[in-house]
Structures are given as structure tokens and as C-alpha cells.
Amino acid sequence: MEGALASAIGGLVECPVVAVPTSTGYGAGLEGITALLAMHASCAAGITVVNIDSGFGAAMAAFRLSRVARRRVS
């Protein structure tokens, strides 16, 4: 359940998706390990997975993706 959202969104949209597993959750989340492994095992293309609770890593991935996109437009 925890990692399924990134896969579902990645299959619906055309843009890159940055997935951030969190250490909080319910059931056997194992402090984010379950979500991290589920996101890595996703079969949807265009998903970038960062470390557990890594908001800074997600921001850097989004920033770098936006720079590449901006270079292609200009």
C-alpha cells in the first residue's frame, strides 16, 4: 500500500515523478523500508525514488529534472 501511490501516479501522468518514502505509516512499514522497496520494484516508467524521508534529495532531483527540461526548451 505505501509504495503503490508512486506507481499509480507514474502510470497516469507523462511527467517525471519523484517518490519519497516516509518512515511513518501503519502496519508493518518497518520505518519506511517497505515503502522504499515497493517504490523501487515499481514497473511504471519515469519514477525517481529517493531515500526514506529525504525531502532535500527529492528537491535536488526535481531541480535537476527542471534544468534538463529548460535546456531542451531553449
C-alpha atoms as a PDB file:
ATOM      1  CA  MET A   1       0.000   0.000   0.000  1.00  0.00           C
ATOM      2  CA  GLU A   2       2.667   2.523   0.977  1.00  0.00           C
ATOM      3  CA  GLY A   3       4.597   2.408  -2.283  1.00  0.00           C
ATOM      4  CA  ALA A   4       1.645   1.912  -4.614  1.00  0.00           C
ATOM      5  CA  LEU A   5       0.820   5.617  -4.969  1.00  0.00           C
ATOM      6  CA  ALA A   6       4.019   6.464  -6.840  1.00  0.00           C
ATOM      7  CA  SER A   7       3.444   3.582  -9.244  1.00  0.00           C
ATOM      8  CA  ALA A   8      -0.180   4.577  -9.846  1.00  0.00           C
ATOM      9  CA  ILE A   9       0.695   8.235 -10.469  1.00  0.00           C
ATOM     10  CA  GLY A  10       3.675   7.274 -12.639  1.00  0.00           C
ATOM     11  CA  GLY A  11       1.383   5.225 -14.852  1.00  0.00           C
ATOM     12  CA  LEU A  12      -1.137   8.047 -15.270  1.00  0.00           C
ATOM     13  CA  VAL A  13       0.998  11.123 -15.965  1.00  0.00           C
ATOM     14  CA  GLU A  14       3.550  11.933 -18.668  1.00  0.00           C
ATOM     15  CA  CYS A  15       5.925  13.919 -16.470  1.00  0.00           C
ATOM     16  CA  PRO A  16       8.635  12.503 -14.182  1.00  0.00           C
ATOM     17  CA  VAL A  17       7.543  11.539 -10.652  1.00  0.00           C
ATOM     18  CA  VAL A  18       9.801  11.955  -7.605  1.00  0.00           C
ATOM     19  CA  ALA A  19       8.803   9.422  -4.942  1.00  0.00           C
ATOM     20  CA  VAL A  20       9.706   9.980  -1.280  1.00  0.00           C
ATOM     21  CA  PRO A  21       9.025   7.046   1.055  1.00  0.00           C
ATOM     22  CA  THR A  22       8.306   8.142   4.626  1.00  0.00           C
ATOM     23  CA  SER A  23       9.286   6.489   7.886  1.00  0.00           C
ATOM     24  CA  THR A  24       5.809   6.931   9.347  1.00  0.00           C
ATOM     25  CA  GLY A  25       2.918   4.777   8.355  1.00  0.00           C
ATOM     26  CA  TYR A  26       0.735   1.952   9.542  1.00  0.00           C
ATOM     27  CA  GLY A  27       1.066  -1.798   9.853  1.00  0.00           C
ATOM     28  CA  ALA A  28       4.416  -3.364   9.020  1.00  0.00           C
ATOM     29  CA  GLY A  29       6.009  -0.275   7.496  1.00  0.00           C
ATOM     30  CA  LEU A  30       9.391  -1.096   9.043  1.00  0.00           C
ATOM     31  CA  GLU A  31      10.258   2.615   9.331  1.00  0.00           C
ATOM     32  CA  GLY A  32       9.948   3.207   5.590  1.00  0.00           C
ATOM     33  CA  ILE A  33      11.735   0.114   4.274  1.00  0.00           C
ATOM     34  CA  THR A  34       8.508  -1.415   2.939  1.00  0.00           C
ATOM     35  CA  ALA A  35       7.594   1.744   1.019  1.00  0.00           C
ATOM     36  CA  LEU A  36      11.148   2.147  -0.299  1.00  0.00           C
ATOM     37  CA  LEU A  37      11.285  -1.410  -1.620  1.00  0.00           C
ATOM     38  CA  ALA A  38       7.797  -1.153  -3.133  1.00  0.00           C
ATOM     39  CA  MET A  39       8.730   2.063  -4.946  1.00  0.00           C
ATOM     40  CA  HIS A  40      11.959   0.512  -6.253  1.00  0.00           C
ATOM     41  CA  ALA A  41      10.045  -2.514  -7.518  1.00  0.00           C
ATOM     42  CA  SER A  42       7.541  -0.342  -9.390  1.00  0.00           C
ATOM     43  CA  CYS A  43       7.091  -1.161 -13.046  1.00  0.00           C
ATOM     44  CA  ALA A  44       5.963   2.357 -14.049  1.00  0.00           C
ATOM     45  CA  ALA A  45       8.485   4.296 -16.111  1.00  0.00           C
ATOM     46  CA  GLY A  46       9.673   7.760 -15.126  1.00  0.00           C
ATOM     47  CA  ILE A  47       9.762   7.340 -11.350  1.00  0.00           C
ATOM     48  CA  THR A  48      12.741   8.620  -9.368  1.00  0.00           C
ATOM     49  CA  VAL A  49      12.936   7.186  -5.847  1.00  0.00           C
ATOM     50  CA  VAL A  50      14.955   8.948  -3.153  1.00  0.00           C
ATOM     51  CA  ASN A  51      15.941   7.804   0.338  1.00  0.00           C
ATOM     52  CA  ILE A  52      13.489   7.490   3.211  1.00  0.00           C
ATOM     53  CA  ASP A  53      12.396  10.950   4.469  1.00  0.00           C
ATOM     54  CA  SER A  54      14.786  12.648   2.036  1.00  0.00           C
ATOM     55  CA  GLY A  55      12.958  15.834   1.168  1.00  0.00           C
ATOM     56  CA  PHE A  56      16.235  17.513   0.226  1.00  0.00           C
ATOM     57  CA  GLY A  57      17.120  14.665  -2.141  1.00  0.00           C
ATOM     58  CA  ALA A  58      13.685  14.947  -3.749  1.00  0.00           C
ATOM     59  CA  ALA A  59      14.105  18.704  -4.166  1.00  0.00           C
ATOM     60  CA  MET A  60      17.508  18.225  -5.818  1.00  0.00           C
ATOM     61  CA  ALA A  61      16.112  15.574  -8.179  1.00  0.00           C
ATOM     62  CA  ALA A  62      13.228  17.864  -9.163  1.00  0.00           C
ATOM     63  CA  PHE A  63      15.613  20.804  -9.601  1.00  0.00           C
ATOM     64  CA  ARG A  64      17.916  18.814 -11.873  1.00  0.00           C
ATOM     65  CA  LEU A  65      14.984  17.478 -13.897  1.00  0.00           C
ATOM     66  CA  SER A  66      13.697  21.029 -14.366  1.00  0.00           C
ATOM     67  CA  ARG A  67      17.120  22.229 -15.545  1.00  0.00           C
ATOM     68  CA  VAL A  68      17.263  19.493 -18.179  1.00  0.00           C
ATOM     69  CA  ALA A  69      13.745  20.332 -19.323  1.00  0.00           C
ATOM     70  CA  ARG A  70      14.590  24.045 -19.515  1.00  0.00           C
ATOM     71  CA  ARG A  71      17.680  23.338 -21.674  1.00  0.00           C
ATOM     72  CA  ARG A  72      15.602  21.338 -24.137  1.00  0.00           C
ATOM     73  CA  VAL A  73      13.018  24.124 -24.494  1.00  0.00           C
ATOM     74  CA  SER A  74      15.511  26.916 -25.172  1.00  0.00           C
END
